[in-house]
Amino acid sequence: MSIGIWQLVLILIVFLLLFGAGKVPNVMKDLAKGIKAFKQGLNDEEETEEKTSPPKVIKSSRHEKN
């Protein structure tokens, strides 16, 4: 199932009723900033994972007795 043209029109009408025509550019601007910040956060996380060194192997200090 995909969203049809009538569903998109209905969503647009509800959006305009909630925010008004004057606030739509501000809402879209804030949405774009949020998406940009989210993507930047994902990229920053990937970069820190690449920069970290692999874990070191720690030898066991326990001695097994038979």
PDB file of N, CA and C in Angstrom:
ATOM      1  N   MET A   1       0.838  -1.179   0.000  1.00  0.00           N
ATOM      2  CA  MET A   1       0.000   0.000   0.000  1.00  0.00           C
ATOM      3  C   MET A   1       0.881   1.240   0.000  1.00  0.00           C
ATOM      4  N   SER A   2       0.535   2.161  -0.838  1.00  0.00           N
ATOM      5  CA  SER A   2       1.268   3.422  -0.875  1.00  0.00           C
ATOM      6  C   SER A   2       0.298   4.574  -0.625  1.00  0.00           C
ATOM      7  N   ILE A   3       0.856   5.699  -0.313  1.00  0.00           N
ATOM      8  CA  ILE A   3       0.030   6.874  -0.049  1.00  0.00           C
ATOM      9  C   ILE A   3      -0.427   7.446  -1.383  1.00  0.00           C
ATOM     10  N   GLY A   4      -1.728   7.617  -1.522  1.00  0.00           N
ATOM     11  CA  GLY A   4      -2.297   8.157  -2.744  1.00  0.00           C
ATOM     12  C   GLY A   4      -2.339   9.671  -2.721  1.00  0.00           C
ATOM     13  N   ILE A   5      -2.787  10.237  -3.829  1.00  0.00           N
ATOM     14  CA  ILE A   5      -2.846  11.688  -3.960  1.00  0.00           C
ATOM     15  C   ILE A   5      -3.835  12.292  -2.974  1.00  0.00           C
ATOM     16  N   TRP A   6      -4.947  11.611  -2.715  1.00  0.00           N
ATOM     17  CA  TRP A   6      -5.952  12.162  -1.799  1.00  0.00           C
ATOM     18  C   TRP A   6      -5.448  12.169  -0.358  1.00  0.00           C
ATOM     19  N   GLN A   7      -4.669  11.192   0.011  1.00  0.00           N
ATOM     20  CA  GLN A   7      -4.093  11.192   1.353  1.00  0.00           C
ATOM     21  C   GLN A   7      -3.100  12.344   1.514  1.00  0.00           C
ATOM     22  N   LEU A   8      -2.311  12.605   0.484  1.00  0.00           N
ATOM     23  CA  LEU A   8      -1.365  13.721   0.530  1.00  0.00           C
ATOM     24  C   LEU A   8      -2.087  15.060   0.625  1.00  0.00           C
ATOM     25  N   VAL A   9      -3.177  15.210  -0.132  1.00  0.00           N
ATOM     26  CA  VAL A   9      -3.962  16.446  -0.081  1.00  0.00           C
ATOM     27  C   VAL A   9      -4.547  16.630   1.307  1.00  0.00           C
ATOM     28  N   LEU A  10      -5.065  15.572   1.893  1.00  0.00           N
ATOM     29  CA  LEU A  10      -5.645  15.648   3.234  1.00  0.00           C
ATOM     30  C   LEU A  10      -4.582  16.022   4.270  1.00  0.00           C
ATOM     31  N   ILE A  11      -3.406  15.429   4.171  1.00  0.00           N
ATOM     32  CA  ILE A  11      -2.312  15.758   5.089  1.00  0.00           C
ATOM     33  C   ILE A  11      -1.919  17.225   4.936  1.00  0.00           C
ATOM     34  N   LEU A  12      -1.851  17.714   3.708  1.00  0.00           N
ATOM     35  CA  LEU A  12      -1.499  19.115   3.459  1.00  0.00           C
ATOM     36  C   LEU A  12      -2.541  20.058   4.048  1.00  0.00           C
ATOM     37  N   ILE A  13      -3.819  19.736   3.898  1.00  0.00           N
ATOM     38  CA  ILE A  13      -4.890  20.572   4.449  1.00  0.00           C
ATOM     39  C   ILE A  13      -4.809  20.614   5.969  1.00  0.00           C
ATOM     40  N   VAL A  14      -4.627  19.470   6.596  1.00  0.00           N
ATOM     41  CA  VAL A  14      -4.519  19.423   8.057  1.00  0.00           C
ATOM     42  C   VAL A  14      -3.293  20.206   8.517  1.00  0.00           C
ATOM     43  N   PHE A  15      -2.200  20.068   7.804  1.00  0.00           N
ATOM     44  CA  PHE A  15      -0.969  20.796   8.136  1.00  0.00           C
ATOM     45  C   PHE A  15      -1.195  22.301   8.073  1.00  0.00           C
ATOM     46  N   LEU A  16      -1.861  22.756   7.007  1.00  0.00           N
ATOM     47  CA  LEU A  16      -2.132  24.186   6.868  1.00  0.00           C
ATOM     48  C   LEU A  16      -3.098  24.682   7.935  1.00  0.00           C
ATOM     49  N   LEU A  17      -4.076  23.871   8.306  1.00  0.00           N
ATOM     50  CA  LEU A  17      -5.013  24.275   9.352  1.00  0.00           C
ATOM     51  C   LEU A  17      -4.325  24.376  10.709  1.00  0.00           C
ATOM     52  N   LEU A  18      -3.411  23.468  10.981  1.00  0.00           N
ATOM     53  CA  LEU A  18      -2.728  23.480  12.271  1.00  0.00           C
ATOM     54  C   LEU A  18      -1.735  24.637  12.393  1.00  0.00           C
ATOM     55  N   PHE A  19      -0.955  24.866  11.367  1.00  0.00           N
ATOM     56  CA  PHE A  19       0.130  25.831  11.462  1.00  0.00           C
ATOM     57  C   PHE A  19      -0.156  27.156  10.766  1.00  0.00           C
ATOM     58  N   GLY A  20      -1.082  27.185   9.846  1.00  0.00           N
ATOM     59  CA  GLY A  20      -1.354  28.415   9.102  1.00  0.00           C
ATOM     60  C   GLY A  20      -0.336  28.606   7.994  1.00  0.00           C
ATOM     61  N   ALA A  21      -0.731  29.367   6.984  1.00  0.00           N
ATOM     62  CA  ALA A  21       0.137  29.552   5.816  1.00  0.00           C
ATOM     63  C   ALA A  21       1.383  30.355   6.161  1.00  0.00           C
ATOM     64  N   GLY A  22       1.301  31.237   7.146  1.00  0.00           N
ATOM     65  CA  GLY A  22       2.443  32.072   7.492  1.00  0.00           C
ATOM     66  C   GLY A  22       3.541  31.335   8.228  1.00  0.00           C
ATOM     67  N   LYS A  23       3.192  30.291   8.950  1.00  0.00           N
ATOM     68  CA  LYS A  23       4.187  29.575   9.756  1.00  0.00           C
ATOM     69  C   LYS A  23       4.793  28.377   9.033  1.00  0.00           C
ATOM     70  N   VAL A  24       4.251  28.019   7.892  1.00  0.00           N
ATOM     71  CA  VAL A  24       4.753  26.845   7.173  1.00  0.00           C
ATOM     72  C   VAL A  24       6.240  26.982   6.833  1.00  0.00           C
ATOM     73  N   PRO A  25       6.711  28.124   6.311  1.00  0.00           N
ATOM     74  CA  PRO A  25       8.157  28.222   6.026  1.00  0.00           C
ATOM     75  C   PRO A  25       9.022  28.051   7.271  1.00  0.00           C
ATOM     76  N   ASN A  26       8.579  28.601   8.392  1.00  0.00           N
ATOM     77  CA  ASN A  26       9.357  28.455   9.630  1.00  0.00           C
ATOM     78  C   ASN A  26       9.382  27.011  10.103  1.00  0.00           C
ATOM     79  N   VAL A  27       8.249  26.336   9.992  1.00  0.00           N
ATOM     80  CA  VAL A  27       8.180  24.933  10.403  1.00  0.00           C
ATOM     81  C   VAL A  27       9.082  24.084   9.516  1.00  0.00           C
ATOM     82  N   MET A  28       9.056  24.323   8.216  1.00  0.00           N
ATOM     83  CA  MET A  28       9.891  23.555   7.297  1.00  0.00           C
ATOM     84  C   MET A  28      11.377  23.845   7.541  1.00  0.00           C
ATOM     85  N   LYS A  29      11.695  25.090   7.859  1.00  0.00           N
ATOM     86  CA  LYS A  29      13.080  25.464   8.156  1.00  0.00           C
ATOM     87  C   LYS A  29      13.572  24.739   9.406  1.00  0.00           C
ATOM     88  N   ASP A  30      12.740  24.712  10.441  1.00  0.00           N
ATOM     89  CA  ASP A  30      13.109  24.014  11.673  1.00  0.00           C
ATOM     90  C   ASP A  30      13.238  22.513  11.442  1.00  0.00           C
ATOM     91  N   LEU A  31      12.350  21.964  10.613  1.00  0.00           N
ATOM     92  CA  LEU A  31      12.418  20.538  10.290  1.00  0.00           C
ATOM     93  C   LEU A  31      13.721  20.218   9.560  1.00  0.00           C
ATOM     94  N   ALA A  32      14.097  21.066   8.610  1.00  0.00           N
ATOM     95  CA  ALA A  32      15.343  20.852   7.867  1.00  0.00           C
ATOM     96  C   ALA A  32      16.553  20.931   8.792  1.00  0.00           C
ATOM     97  N   LYS A  33      16.539  21.872   9.734  1.00  0.00           N
ATOM     98  CA  LYS A  33      17.642  21.978  10.697  1.00  0.00           C
ATOM     99  C   LYS A  33      17.735  20.722  11.558  1.00  0.00           C
ATOM    100  N   GLY A  34      16.582  20.204  11.965  1.00  0.00           N
ATOM    101  CA  GLY A  34      16.572  18.992  12.778  1.00  0.00           C
ATOM    102  C   GLY A  34      17.119  17.796  12.028  1.00  0.00           C
ATOM    103  N   ILE A  35      16.724  17.657  10.771  1.00  0.00           N
ATOM    104  CA  ILE A  35      17.211  16.545   9.955  1.00  0.00           C
ATOM    105  C   ILE A  35      18.719  16.671   9.739  1.00  0.00           C
ATOM    106  N   LYS A  36      19.174  17.892   9.486  1.00  0.00           N
ATOM    107  CA  LYS A  36      20.607  18.124   9.269  1.00  0.00           C
ATOM    108  C   LYS A  36      21.408  17.787  10.526  1.00  0.00           C
ATOM    109  N   ALA A  37      20.901  18.204  11.680  1.00  0.00           N
ATOM    110  CA  ALA A  37      21.593  17.912  12.939  1.00  0.00           C
ATOM    111  C   ALA A  37      21.618  16.413  13.212  1.00  0.00           C
ATOM    112  N   PHE A  38      20.525  15.720  12.893  1.00  0.00           N
ATOM    113  CA  PHE A  38      20.457  14.274  13.088  1.00  0.00           C
ATOM    114  C   PHE A  38      21.490  13.567  12.215  1.00  0.00           C
ATOM    115  N   LYS A  39      21.558  13.950  10.939  1.00  0.00           N
ATOM    116  CA  LYS A  39      22.528  13.332  10.033  1.00  0.00           C
ATOM    117  C   LYS A  39      23.961  13.628  10.473  1.00  0.00           C
ATOM    118  N   GLN A  40      24.204  14.856  10.942  1.00  0.00           N
ATOM    119  CA  GLN A  40      25.542  15.214  11.410  1.00  0.00           C
ATOM    120  C   GLN A  40      25.914  14.394  12.642  1.00  0.00           C
ATOM    121  N   GLY A  41      24.953  14.155  13.518  1.00  0.00           N
ATOM    122  CA  GLY A  41      25.204  13.333  14.694  1.00  0.00           C
ATOM    123  C   GLY A  41      25.550  11.903  14.316  1.00  0.00           C
ATOM    124  N   LEU A  42      24.861  11.367  13.312  1.00  0.00           N
ATOM    125  CA  LEU A  42      25.180  10.017  12.846  1.00  0.00           C
ATOM    126  C   LEU A  42      26.588   9.963  12.260  1.00  0.00           C
ATOM    127  N   ASN A  43      26.954  10.971  11.476  1.00  0.00           N
ATOM    128  CA  ASN A  43      28.292  10.999  10.877  1.00  0.00           C
ATOM    129  C   ASN A  43      29.365  11.146  11.946  1.00  0.00           C
ATOM    130  N   ASP A  44      29.114  11.969  12.950  1.00  0.00           N
ATOM    131  CA  ASP A  44      30.083  12.138  14.035  1.00  0.00           C
ATOM    132  C   ASP A  44      30.296  10.832  14.786  1.00  0.00           C
ATOM    133  N   GLU A  45      29.227  10.089  14.995  1.00  0.00           N
ATOM    134  CA  GLU A  45      29.330   8.810  15.703  1.00  0.00           C
ATOM    135  C   GLU A  45      30.153   7.818  14.895  1.00  0.00           C
ATOM    136  N   GLU A  46      29.941   7.789  13.580  1.00  0.00           N
ATOM    137  CA  GLU A  46      30.708   6.877  12.733  1.00  0.00           C
ATOM    138  C   GLU A  46      32.185   7.248  12.737  1.00  0.00           C
ATOM    139  N   GLU A  47      32.490   8.554  12.743  1.00  0.00           N
ATOM    140  CA  GLU A  47      33.885   8.989  12.750  1.00  0.00           C
ATOM    141  C   GLU A  47      34.580   8.605  14.051  1.00  0.00           C
ATOM    142  N   THR A  48      33.889   8.709  15.174  1.00  0.00           N
ATOM    143  CA  THR A  48      34.513   8.349  16.447  1.00  0.00           C
ATOM    144  C   THR A  48      34.738   6.849  16.525  1.00  0.00           C
ATOM    145  N   GLU A  49      33.855   6.063  15.924  1.00  0.00           N
ATOM    146  CA  GLU A  49      34.052   4.612  15.916  1.00  0.00           C
ATOM    147  C   GLU A  49      35.272   4.252  15.083  1.00  0.00           C
ATOM    148  N   GLU A  50      35.501   4.975  13.984  1.00  0.00           N
ATOM    149  CA  GLU A  50      36.651   4.694  13.134  1.00  0.00           C
ATOM    150  C   GLU A  50      37.955   5.082  13.822  1.00  0.00           C
ATOM    151  N   LYS A  51      37.935   6.130  14.632  1.00  0.00           N
ATOM    152  CA  LYS A  51      39.143   6.629  15.280  1.00  0.00           C
ATOM    153  C   LYS A  51      39.551   5.800  16.489  1.00  0.00           C
ATOM    154  N   THR A  52      38.646   5.069  17.075  1.00  0.00           N
ATOM    155  CA  THR A  52      38.986   4.293  18.263  1.00  0.00           C
ATOM    156  C   THR A  52      39.835   3.095  17.870  1.00  0.00           C
ATOM    157  N   SER A  53      40.730   2.728  18.752  1.00  0.00           N
ATOM    158  CA  SER A  53      41.599   1.591  18.482  1.00  0.00           C
ATOM    159  C   SER A  53      40.857   0.297  18.811  1.00  0.00           C
ATOM    160  N   PRO A  54      41.292  -0.789  18.210  1.00  0.00           N
ATOM    161  CA  PRO A  54      40.643  -2.068  18.513  1.00  0.00           C
ATOM    162  C   PRO A  54      40.905  -2.465  19.962  1.00  0.00           C
ATOM    163  N   PRO A  55      40.032  -3.248  20.546  1.00  0.00           N
ATOM    164  CA  PRO A  55      40.214  -3.645  21.943  1.00  0.00           C
ATOM    165  C   PRO A  55      41.466  -4.507  22.104  1.00  0.00           C
ATOM    166  N   LYS A  56      42.125  -4.334  23.237  1.00  0.00           N
ATOM    167  CA  LYS A  56      43.332  -5.103  23.523  1.00  0.00           C
ATOM    168  C   LYS A  56      42.953  -6.393  24.238  1.00  0.00           C
ATOM    169  N   VAL A  57      43.722  -7.432  23.976  1.00  0.00           N
ATOM    170  CA  VAL A  57      43.486  -8.719  24.614  1.00  0.00           C
ATOM    171  C   VAL A  57      44.177  -8.711  25.969  1.00  0.00           C
ATOM    172  N   ILE A  58      43.429  -9.039  26.993  1.00  0.00           N
ATOM    173  CA  ILE A  58      43.974  -9.078  28.350  1.00  0.00           C
ATOM    174  C   ILE A  58      44.201 -10.535  28.723  1.00  0.00           C
ATOM    175  N   LYS A  59      45.444 -10.841  29.127  1.00  0.00           N
ATOM    176  CA  LYS A  59      45.756 -12.212  29.518  1.00  0.00           C
ATOM    177  C   LYS A  59      45.182 -12.480  30.897  1.00  0.00           C
ATOM    178  N   SER A  60      44.735 -13.681  31.088  1.00  0.00           N
ATOM    179  CA  SER A  60      44.147 -14.063  32.366  1.00  0.00           C
ATOM    180  C   SER A  60      45.234 -14.170  33.426  1.00  0.00           C
ATOM    181  N   SER A  61      44.943 -13.666  34.618  1.00  0.00           N
ATOM    182  CA  SER A  61      45.919 -13.734  35.705  1.00  0.00           C
ATOM    183  C   SER A  61      45.637 -14.921  36.626  1.00  0.00           C
ATOM    184  N   ARG A  62      44.582 -15.648  36.342  1.00  0.00           N
ATOM    185  CA  ARG A  62      44.259 -16.817  37.168  1.00  0.00           C
ATOM    186  C   ARG A  62      45.112 -18.006  36.729  1.00  0.00           C
ATOM    187  N   HIS A  63      45.518 -18.796  37.685  1.00  0.00           N
ATOM    188  CA  HIS A  63      46.267 -20.011  37.394  1.00  0.00           C
ATOM    189  C   HIS A  63      45.347 -21.189  37.663  1.00  0.00           C
ATOM    190  N   GLU A  64      45.278 -22.064  36.697  1.00  0.00           N
ATOM    191  CA  GLU A  64      44.423 -23.232  36.872  1.00  0.00           C
ATOM    192  C   GLU A  64      45.186 -24.311  37.635  1.00  0.00           C
ATOM    193  N   LYS A  65      44.510 -24.929  38.594  1.00  0.00           N
ATOM    194  CA  LYS A  65      45.108 -26.020  39.361  1.00  0.00           C
ATOM    195  C   LYS A  65      44.358 -27.302  39.033  1.00  0.00           C
ATOM    196  N   ASN A  66      45.107 -28.372  38.849  1.00  0.00           N
ATOM    197  CA  ASN A  66      44.495 -29.673  38.553  1.00  0.00           C
ATOM    198  C   ASN A  66      44.480 -30.547  39.752  1.00  0.00           C
TER     199      ASN A  66
END
